[in-house]
Amino acid sequence: MQLANMGMFPKLNPEIKQFTRPLDKSIAKKLYKFASQYCPETRAQKKSRLKLLDKSFTQSPQREGTFINNEALISRPDISLKTCGNERQGHEEGEGEGFEHGNEVVQDPSFSSTLSIPSSSDKHSSDKDKPYFLKFGINHIEDLIKTSKATLIMLAYDTDPVDLVLHIPALCRKHHIPVAIVDGKLRLGTLIHKRQTAAVAFTNIRDQDIDLFQELVSKIKEDYEKNRTTQTSTANPLNLFTTARLNQLYSSILPI
């Protein structure tokens, strides 16, 4: 059932009625401007970021490690493996080198192959440089809400069918997560480089944006609670004929 036709019904469930009143336009404009700073990366942007990350990872400070396996020996251009019948022949043909004895690669104790590999601390530091961006997908957003990782949910008021996102506001209230019902699944889709989407979620916020984000959240909560006070179920209105009959009945029972 489309939301456009729901206004014809005099009695409407509050959970559905809240999708007929989106966020205030002035607040929504600021929210979209803020959300545009957290758009996901395009394929080209992700590819360039990973290239820079790989370049900085290879040029980072390194630590030494000793390896005695095939890969470590083959990576040394001055070392070649010798396949021999016995250990003595292997020492004669390549002293100080690795040789194969049966099915096992043996390393001469007199030789130590030291290879430089990146430290694990550089890998953890690179994870911090990963950009923050919006999350999307109904199932993924539900998991973020249930695990309390989401900080703000944006829902499209014109989602069709509305059953896809009907339960999300109640789920957000249960986990104390603010929710904003905004206008336009098409406009919401532009934030994540898609044609349209029903919902997006904020998770991590940059340190320099926390104050602005908290200000937006307070305005969203105020607007949402103001709309919820008017989103109560109303009784079906009576037509003129029934109203006249009831007035006649009441006047006969209780004369004025």
C-alpha atoms as a PDB file:
ATOM      1  CA  MET A   1       0.000   0.000   0.000  1.00  0.00           C
ATOM      2  CA  GLN A   2       1.455   3.352  -1.002  1.00  0.00           C
ATOM      3  CA  LEU A   3       1.866   6.112   1.555  1.00  0.00           C
ATOM      4  CA  ALA A   4       0.217   8.569  -0.819  1.00  0.00           C
ATOM      5  CA  ASN A   5      -3.086   6.722  -0.433  1.00  0.00           C
ATOM      6  CA  MET A   6      -2.806   6.366   3.332  1.00  0.00           C
ATOM      7  CA  GLY A   7      -3.922   9.943   3.885  1.00  0.00           C
ATOM      8  CA  MET A   8      -7.392   8.911   2.667  1.00  0.00           C
ATOM      9  CA  PHE A   9      -7.865   6.734   5.724  1.00  0.00           C
ATOM     10  CA  PRO A  10      -9.212   8.634   8.735  1.00  0.00           C
ATOM     11  CA  LYS A  11      -7.758   6.175  11.226  1.00  0.00           C
ATOM     12  CA  LEU A  12      -4.029   5.582  10.803  1.00  0.00           C
ATOM     13  CA  ASN A  13      -1.598   3.719  13.012  1.00  0.00           C
ATOM     14  CA  PRO A  14       0.937   6.074  14.662  1.00  0.00           C
ATOM     15  CA  GLU A  15       3.852   3.918  13.476  1.00  0.00           C
ATOM     16  CA  ILE A  16       2.723   4.478   9.890  1.00  0.00           C
ATOM     17  CA  LYS A  17       1.578   8.044  10.401  1.00  0.00           C
ATOM     18  CA  GLN A  18       5.075   9.175  11.423  1.00  0.00           C
ATOM     19  CA  PHE A  19       6.288   8.446   7.871  1.00  0.00           C
ATOM     20  CA  THR A  20       3.860  11.034   6.492  1.00  0.00           C
ATOM     21  CA  ARG A  21       5.654  13.853   8.357  1.00  0.00           C
ATOM     22  CA  PRO A  22       9.351  14.067   7.468  1.00  0.00           C
ATOM     23  CA  LEU A  23      11.992  16.089   9.255  1.00  0.00           C
ATOM     24  CA  ASP A  24      11.806  19.876   9.172  1.00  0.00           C
ATOM     25  CA  LYS A  25      13.337  21.239   5.958  1.00  0.00           C
ATOM     26  CA  SER A  26      15.828  23.550   7.654  1.00  0.00           C
ATOM     27  CA  ILE A  27      17.153  20.722   9.844  1.00  0.00           C
ATOM     28  CA  ALA A  28      17.130  18.257   6.943  1.00  0.00           C
ATOM     29  CA  LYS A  29      19.204  20.635   4.817  1.00  0.00           C
ATOM     30  CA  LYS A  30      21.903  20.828   7.499  1.00  0.00           C
ATOM     31  CA  LEU A  31      21.761  17.065   8.019  1.00  0.00           C
ATOM     32  CA  TYR A  32      22.236  16.304   4.318  1.00  0.00           C
ATOM     33  CA  LYS A  33      25.122  18.761   4.154  1.00  0.00           C
ATOM     34  CA  PHE A  34      26.750  17.027   7.124  1.00  0.00           C
ATOM     35  CA  ALA A  35      26.082  13.543   5.725  1.00  0.00           C
ATOM     36  CA  SER A  36      27.671  14.466   2.389  1.00  0.00           C
ATOM     37  CA  GLN A  37      31.035  14.579   4.202  1.00  0.00           C
ATOM     38  CA  TYR A  38      30.641  10.881   5.065  1.00  0.00           C
ATOM     39  CA  CYS A  39      29.844   9.526   1.607  1.00  0.00           C
ATOM     40  CA  PRO A  40      31.382   6.092   0.937  1.00  0.00           C
ATOM     41  CA  GLU A  41      34.392   5.886  -1.337  1.00  0.00           C
ATOM     42  CA  THR A  42      33.992   5.246  -5.013  1.00  0.00           C
ATOM     43  CA  ARG A  43      35.957   2.420  -6.600  1.00  0.00           C
ATOM     44  CA  ALA A  44      38.573   4.815  -7.939  1.00  0.00           C
ATOM     45  CA  GLN A  45      38.985   6.545  -4.570  1.00  0.00           C
ATOM     46  CA  LYS A  46      39.331   3.246  -2.744  1.00  0.00           C
ATOM     47  CA  LYS A  47      41.880   2.001  -5.272  1.00  0.00           C
ATOM     48  CA  SER A  48      44.021   5.126  -4.939  1.00  0.00           C
ATOM     49  CA  ARG A  49      43.819   5.015  -1.125  1.00  0.00           C
ATOM     50  CA  LEU A  50      44.925   1.386  -1.024  1.00  0.00           C
ATOM     51  CA  LYS A  51      47.826   2.169  -3.358  1.00  0.00           C
ATOM     52  CA  LEU A  52      49.024   4.954  -1.073  1.00  0.00           C
ATOM     53  CA  LEU A  53      48.544   2.697   1.938  1.00  0.00           C
ATOM     54  CA  ASP A  54      50.574  -0.069   0.310  1.00  0.00           C
ATOM     55  CA  LYS A  55      53.327   2.389  -0.607  1.00  0.00           C
ATOM     56  CA  SER A  56      53.549   3.784   2.935  1.00  0.00           C
ATOM     57  CA  PHE A  57      53.401   0.246   4.345  1.00  0.00           C
ATOM     58  CA  THR A  58      56.420  -0.895   2.325  1.00  0.00           C
ATOM     59  CA  GLN A  59      58.405   2.247   3.185  1.00  0.00           C
ATOM     60  CA  SER A  60      57.604   2.077   6.909  1.00  0.00           C
ATOM     61  CA  PRO A  61      60.226   1.209   9.602  1.00  0.00           C
ATOM     62  CA  GLN A  62      61.046  -2.489   9.442  1.00  0.00           C
ATOM     63  CA  ARG A  63      62.210  -5.202  11.751  1.00  0.00           C
ATOM     64  CA  GLU A  64      64.425  -8.166  10.968  1.00  0.00           C
ATOM     65  CA  GLY A  65      63.309 -11.771  10.941  1.00  0.00           C
ATOM     66  CA  THR A  66      65.066 -15.050  10.205  1.00  0.00           C
ATOM     67  CA  PHE A  67      63.382 -17.555   7.942  1.00  0.00           C
ATOM     68  CA  ILE A  68      64.528 -21.030   6.936  1.00  0.00           C
ATOM     69  CA  ASN A  69      61.680 -21.982   4.618  1.00  0.00           C
ATOM     70  CA  ASN A  70      61.602 -22.155   0.861  1.00  0.00           C
ATOM     71  CA  GLU A  71      60.169 -18.668   0.369  1.00  0.00           C
ATOM     72  CA  ALA A  72      62.866 -16.982   2.433  1.00  0.00           C
ATOM     73  CA  LEU A  73      65.671 -18.721   0.599  1.00  0.00           C
ATOM     74  CA  ILE A  74      64.271 -18.263  -2.887  1.00  0.00           C
ATOM     75  CA  SER A  75      63.739 -14.545  -2.293  1.00  0.00           C
ATOM     76  CA  ARG A  76      67.518 -14.145  -1.868  1.00  0.00           C
ATOM     77  CA  PRO A  77      69.094 -13.735  -5.332  1.00  0.00           C
ATOM     78  CA  ASP A  78      72.478 -14.974  -4.102  1.00  0.00           C
ATOM     79  CA  ILE A  79      71.025 -18.252  -2.759  1.00  0.00           C
ATOM     80  CA  SER A  80      69.978 -21.276  -4.802  1.00  0.00           C
ATOM     81  CA  LEU A  81      68.571 -24.535  -3.489  1.00  0.00           C
ATOM     82  CA  LYS A  82      70.567 -27.655  -4.262  1.00  0.00           C
ATOM     83  CA  THR A  83      68.802 -30.925  -4.748  1.00  0.00           C
ATOM     84  CA  CYS A  84      71.273 -33.614  -3.760  1.00  0.00           C
ATOM     85  CA  GLY A  85      71.282 -37.270  -2.958  1.00  0.00           C
ATOM     86  CA  ASN A  86      72.820 -36.873   0.473  1.00  0.00           C
ATOM     87  CA  GLU A  87      73.836 -34.217   2.984  1.00  0.00           C
ATOM     88  CA  ARG A  88      77.578 -34.398   2.183  1.00  0.00           C
ATOM     89  CA  GLN A  89      77.058 -33.665  -1.503  1.00  0.00           C
ATOM     90  CA  GLY A  90      74.852 -30.732  -0.588  1.00  0.00           C
ATOM     91  CA  HIS A  91      77.613 -29.220   1.573  1.00  0.00           C
ATOM     92  CA  GLU A  92      80.196 -29.742  -1.155  1.00  0.00           C
ATOM     93  CA  GLU A  93      78.147 -28.082  -3.907  1.00  0.00           C
ATOM     94  CA  GLY A  94      76.832 -25.166  -1.877  1.00  0.00           C
ATOM     95  CA  GLU A  95      78.342 -24.609   1.522  1.00  0.00           C
ATOM     96  CA  GLY A  96      76.349 -22.265   3.684  1.00  0.00           C
ATOM     97  CA  GLU A  97      73.222 -22.677   1.531  1.00  0.00           C
ATOM     98  CA  GLY A  98      69.934 -24.465   2.021  1.00  0.00           C
ATOM     99  CA  PHE A  99      69.661 -27.909   0.442  1.00  0.00           C
ATOM    100  CA  GLU A 100      66.967 -30.512   0.157  1.00  0.00           C
ATOM    101  CA  HIS A 101      67.394 -33.662   2.251  1.00  0.00           C
ATOM    102  CA  GLY A 102      64.649 -36.122   1.414  1.00  0.00           C
ATOM    103  CA  ASN A 103      61.355 -34.202   1.588  1.00  0.00           C
ATOM    104  CA  GLU A 104      62.671 -31.588   4.030  1.00  0.00           C
ATOM    105  CA  VAL A 105      64.518 -28.352   3.381  1.00  0.00           C
ATOM    106  CA  VAL A 106      67.496 -28.072   5.734  1.00  0.00           C
ATOM    107  CA  GLN A 107      69.231 -24.836   6.634  1.00  0.00           C
ATOM    108  CA  ASP A 108      72.959 -24.794   7.291  1.00  0.00           C
ATOM    109  CA  PRO A 109      73.545 -23.485  10.851  1.00  0.00           C
ATOM    110  CA  SER A 110      76.485 -21.424   9.618  1.00  0.00           C
ATOM    111  CA  PHE A 111      74.173 -19.392   7.391  1.00  0.00           C
ATOM    112  CA  SER A 112      71.415 -17.100   8.630  1.00  0.00           C
ATOM    113  CA  SER A 113      69.077 -15.510   6.102  1.00  0.00           C
ATOM    114  CA  THR A 114      67.831 -12.241   7.548  1.00  0.00           C
ATOM    115  CA  LEU A 115      64.941 -10.624   5.748  1.00  0.00           C
ATOM    116  CA  SER A 116      63.343  -7.319   6.674  1.00  0.00           C
ATOM    117  CA  ILE A 117      59.555  -7.361   7.118  1.00  0.00           C
ATOM    118  CA  PRO A 118      57.187  -4.578   8.206  1.00  0.00           C
ATOM    119  CA  SER A 119      56.359  -4.375  11.885  1.00  0.00           C
ATOM    120  CA  SER A 120      52.857  -5.119  13.145  1.00  0.00           C
ATOM    121  CA  SER A 121      52.568  -1.677  14.712  1.00  0.00           C
ATOM    122  CA  ASP A 122      52.487  -0.111  11.241  1.00  0.00           C
ATOM    123  CA  LYS A 123      49.533  -2.284  10.303  1.00  0.00           C
ATOM    124  CA  HIS A 124      47.536  -1.172  13.330  1.00  0.00           C
ATOM    125  CA  SER A 125      48.364   2.461  12.663  1.00  0.00           C
ATOM    126  CA  SER A 126      47.113   2.128   9.088  1.00  0.00           C
ATOM    127  CA  ASP A 127      43.721   0.919  10.344  1.00  0.00           C
ATOM    128  CA  LYS A 128      43.231   4.268  12.071  1.00  0.00           C
ATOM    129  CA  ASP A 129      43.545   6.064   8.714  1.00  0.00           C
ATOM    130  CA  LYS A 130      40.532   4.219   7.300  1.00  0.00           C
ATOM    131  CA  PRO A 131      37.875   6.826   6.439  1.00  0.00           C
ATOM    132  CA  TYR A 132      34.528   6.998   8.226  1.00  0.00           C
ATOM    133  CA  PHE A 133      31.521   6.648   5.960  1.00  0.00           C
ATOM    134  CA  LEU A 134      27.783   5.934   6.000  1.00  0.00           C
ATOM    135  CA  LYS A 135      26.494   2.381   6.306  1.00  0.00           C
ATOM    136  CA  PHE A 136      23.565   1.149   4.261  1.00  0.00           C
ATOM    137  CA  GLY A 137      21.471  -1.980   3.799  1.00  0.00           C
ATOM    138  CA  ILE A 138      18.463  -2.803   6.005  1.00  0.00           C
ATOM    139  CA  ASN A 139      19.922  -5.981   7.504  1.00  0.00           C
ATOM    140  CA  HIS A 140      23.287  -4.351   8.147  1.00  0.00           C
ATOM    141  CA  ILE A 141      21.649  -1.341   9.796  1.00  0.00           C
ATOM    142  CA  GLU A 142      19.557  -3.622  12.019  1.00  0.00           C
ATOM    143  CA  ASP A 143      22.738  -5.330  13.225  1.00  0.00           C
ATOM    144  CA  LEU A 144      24.356  -1.953  13.926  1.00  0.00           C
ATOM    145  CA  ILE A 145      21.334  -0.873  15.973  1.00  0.00           C
ATOM    146  CA  LYS A 146      21.168  -4.106  17.966  1.00  0.00           C
ATOM    147  CA  THR A 147      24.881  -3.911  18.774  1.00  0.00           C
ATOM    148  CA  SER A 148      24.598  -0.170  19.613  1.00  0.00           C
ATOM    149  CA  LYS A 149      27.229   0.747  17.008  1.00  0.00           C
ATOM    150  CA  ALA A 150      24.969   3.147  15.129  1.00  0.00           C
ATOM    151  CA  THR A 151      24.842   6.777  16.286  1.00  0.00           C
ATOM    152  CA  LEU A 152      22.122   8.127  13.965  1.00  0.00           C
ATOM    153  CA  ILE A 153      19.683   6.536  11.505  1.00  0.00           C
ATOM    154  CA  MET A 154      18.253   8.311   8.459  1.00  0.00           C
ATOM    155  CA  LEU A 155      15.080   6.808   6.957  1.00  0.00           C
ATOM    156  CA  ALA A 156      13.319   7.746   3.724  1.00  0.00           C
ATOM    157  CA  TYR A 157       9.682   8.693   4.313  1.00  0.00           C
ATOM    158  CA  ASP A 158       8.607   7.500   0.838  1.00  0.00           C
ATOM    159  CA  THR A 159       9.897   3.932   1.163  1.00  0.00           C
ATOM    160  CA  ASP A 160       7.604   1.565  -0.719  1.00  0.00           C
ATOM    161  CA  PRO A 161       6.598  -0.825   0.759  1.00  0.00           C
ATOM    162  CA  VAL A 162       6.839   0.924   4.108  1.00  0.00           C
ATOM    163  CA  ASP A 163       6.991  -2.463   5.873  1.00  0.00           C
ATOM    164  CA  LEU A 164      10.729  -2.558   5.117  1.00  0.00           C
ATOM    165  CA  VAL A 165      11.505   0.223   7.599  1.00  0.00           C
ATOM    166  CA  LEU A 166       8.360   0.258   9.739  1.00  0.00           C
ATOM    167  CA  HIS A 167      10.047  -1.488  12.682  1.00  0.00           C
ATOM    168  CA  ILE A 168      13.269   0.551  12.695  1.00  0.00           C
ATOM    169  CA  PRO A 169      12.001   3.600  14.685  1.00  0.00           C
ATOM    170  CA  ALA A 170      10.753   1.334  17.487  1.00  0.00           C
ATOM    171  CA  LEU A 171      14.043  -0.567  17.437  1.00  0.00           C
ATOM    172  CA  CYS A 172      15.953   2.714  17.670  1.00  0.00           C
ATOM    173  CA  ARG A 173      13.888   3.860  20.658  1.00  0.00           C
ATOM    174  CA  LYS A 174      14.603   0.580  22.407  1.00  0.00           C
ATOM    175  CA  HIS A 175      18.371   1.030  22.007  1.00  0.00           C
ATOM    176  CA  HIS A 176      18.296   4.843  22.573  1.00  0.00           C
ATOM    177  CA  ILE A 177      19.506   5.700  19.066  1.00  0.00           C
ATOM    178  CA  PRO A 178      18.176   8.860  17.368  1.00  0.00           C
ATOM    179  CA  VAL A 179      16.312   8.448  14.097  1.00  0.00           C
ATOM    180  CA  ALA A 180      15.501  11.028  11.416  1.00  0.00           C
ATOM    181  CA  ILE A 181      12.756  10.480   8.841  1.00  0.00           C
ATOM    182  CA  VAL A 182      13.827  12.568   5.847  1.00  0.00           C
ATOM    183  CA  ASP A 183      12.263  13.272   2.487  1.00  0.00           C
ATOM    184  CA  GLY A 184      13.449  11.375  -0.508  1.00  0.00           C
ATOM    185  CA  LYS A 185      14.815   7.887  -1.044  1.00  0.00           C
ATOM    186  CA  LEU A 186      16.353   9.228  -4.251  1.00  0.00           C
ATOM    187  CA  ARG A 187      18.111  12.037  -2.402  1.00  0.00           C
ATOM    188  CA  LEU A 188      19.182   9.590   0.294  1.00  0.00           C
ATOM    189  CA  GLY A 189      20.625   7.299  -2.377  1.00  0.00           C
ATOM    190  CA  THR A 190      22.925  10.030  -3.695  1.00  0.00           C
ATOM    191  CA  LEU A 191      24.781   9.963  -0.357  1.00  0.00           C
ATOM    192  CA  ILE A 192      25.973   6.400  -0.999  1.00  0.00           C
ATOM    193  CA  HIS A 193      26.358   6.589  -4.808  1.00  0.00           C
ATOM    194  CA  LYS A 194      23.209   4.523  -5.399  1.00  0.00           C
ATOM    195  CA  ARG A 195      20.045   5.194  -7.350  1.00  0.00           C
ATOM    196  CA  GLN A 196      17.925   5.076  -4.192  1.00  0.00           C
ATOM    197  CA  THR A 197      17.996   3.636  -0.682  1.00  0.00           C
ATOM    198  CA  ALA A 198      15.609   3.281   2.238  1.00  0.00           C
ATOM    199  CA  ALA A 199      18.009   3.915   5.125  1.00  0.00           C
ATOM    200  CA  VAL A 200      21.560   4.930   5.993  1.00  0.00           C
ATOM    201  CA  ALA A 201      23.350   4.951   9.341  1.00  0.00           C
ATOM    202  CA  PHE A 202      26.140   6.920  10.978  1.00  0.00           C
ATOM    203  CA  THR A 203      28.601   4.922  13.084  1.00  0.00           C
ATOM    204  CA  ASN A 204      31.869   6.729  13.834  1.00  0.00           C
ATOM    205  CA  ILE A 205      32.171  10.503  13.780  1.00  0.00           C
ATOM    206  CA  ARG A 206      35.382  12.469  13.302  1.00  0.00           C
ATOM    207  CA  ASP A 207      36.624  14.368  16.330  1.00  0.00           C
ATOM    208  CA  GLN A 208      36.301  17.758  14.651  1.00  0.00           C
ATOM    209  CA  ASP A 209      32.639  17.050  13.758  1.00  0.00           C
ATOM    210  CA  ILE A 210      31.374  15.832  17.135  1.00  0.00           C
ATOM    211  CA  ASP A 211      30.036  19.211  18.313  1.00  0.00           C
ATOM    212  CA  LEU A 212      28.104  19.815  15.097  1.00  0.00           C
ATOM    213  CA  PHE A 213      26.794  16.248  15.129  1.00  0.00           C
ATOM    214  CA  GLN A 214      25.509  16.542  18.701  1.00  0.00           C
ATOM    215  CA  GLU A 215      23.782  19.808  17.827  1.00  0.00           C
ATOM    216  CA  LEU A 216      22.022  18.146  14.891  1.00  0.00           C
ATOM    217  CA  VAL A 217      20.998  15.159  17.007  1.00  0.00           C
ATOM    218  CA  SER A 218      19.426  17.399  19.652  1.00  0.00           C
ATOM    219  CA  LYS A 219      17.386  19.234  16.985  1.00  0.00           C
ATOM    220  CA  ILE A 220      16.328  15.930  15.393  1.00  0.00           C
ATOM    221  CA  LYS A 221      15.165  14.533  18.733  1.00  0.00           C
ATOM    222  CA  GLU A 222      13.187  17.691  19.470  1.00  0.00           C
ATOM    223  CA  ASP A 223      11.465  17.632  16.069  1.00  0.00           C
ATOM    224  CA  TYR A 224      10.790  13.889  16.266  1.00  0.00           C
ATOM    225  CA  GLU A 225       9.215  14.097  19.738  1.00  0.00           C
ATOM    226  CA  LYS A 226       7.104  17.082  18.669  1.00  0.00           C
ATOM    227  CA  ASN A 227       5.680  15.065  15.782  1.00  0.00           C
ATOM    228  CA  ARG A 228       5.090  11.994  17.935  1.00  0.00           C
ATOM    229  CA  THR A 229       2.789  13.937  20.275  1.00  0.00           C
ATOM    230  CA  THR A 230       0.395  14.538  17.369  1.00  0.00           C
ATOM    231  CA  GLN A 231       0.758  11.027  15.928  1.00  0.00           C
ATOM    232  CA  THR A 232      -2.049   9.412  17.919  1.00  0.00           C
ATOM    233  CA  SER A 233      -4.796   7.215  16.602  1.00  0.00           C
ATOM    234  CA  THR A 234      -8.007   9.127  15.955  1.00  0.00           C
ATOM    235  CA  ALA A 235     -11.552   7.774  15.786  1.00  0.00           C
ATOM    236  CA  ASN A 236     -13.373   7.436  12.481  1.00  0.00           C
ATOM    237  CA  PRO A 237     -15.360  10.610  11.687  1.00  0.00           C
ATOM    238  CA  LEU A 238     -19.113  10.228  11.295  1.00  0.00           C
ATOM    239  CA  ASN A 239     -21.027  11.317   8.224  1.00  0.00           C
ATOM    240  CA  LEU A 240     -23.727  13.974   8.327  1.00  0.00           C
ATOM    241  CA  PHE A 241     -26.646  11.531   8.365  1.00  0.00           C
ATOM    242  CA  THR A 242     -25.301   9.580  11.351  1.00  0.00           C
ATOM    243  CA  THR A 243     -24.420  12.786  13.201  1.00  0.00           C
ATOM    244  CA  ALA A 244     -27.972  14.118  12.741  1.00  0.00           C
ATOM    245  CA  ARG A 245     -29.509  10.860  13.950  1.00  0.00           C
ATOM    246  CA  LEU A 246     -27.290  10.814  17.042  1.00  0.00           C
ATOM    247  CA  ASN A 247     -28.080  14.441  17.837  1.00  0.00           C
ATOM    248  CA  GLN A 248     -31.787  13.654  17.554  1.00  0.00           C
ATOM    249  CA  LEU A 249     -31.349  10.644  19.820  1.00  0.00           C
ATOM    250  CA  TYR A 250     -29.358  12.562  22.411  1.00  0.00           C
ATOM    251  CA  SER A 251     -31.885  15.406  22.416  1.00  0.00           C
ATOM    252  CA  SER A 252     -34.749  12.983  23.073  1.00  0.00           C
ATOM    253  CA  ILE A 253     -32.901  11.348  25.964  1.00  0.00           C
ATOM    254  CA  LEU A 254     -31.303  14.475  27.403  1.00  0.00           C
ATOM    255  CA  PRO A 255     -33.403  17.499  26.457  1.00  0.00           C
ATOM    256  CA  ILE A 256     -31.441  20.710  26.427  1.00  0.00           C
END
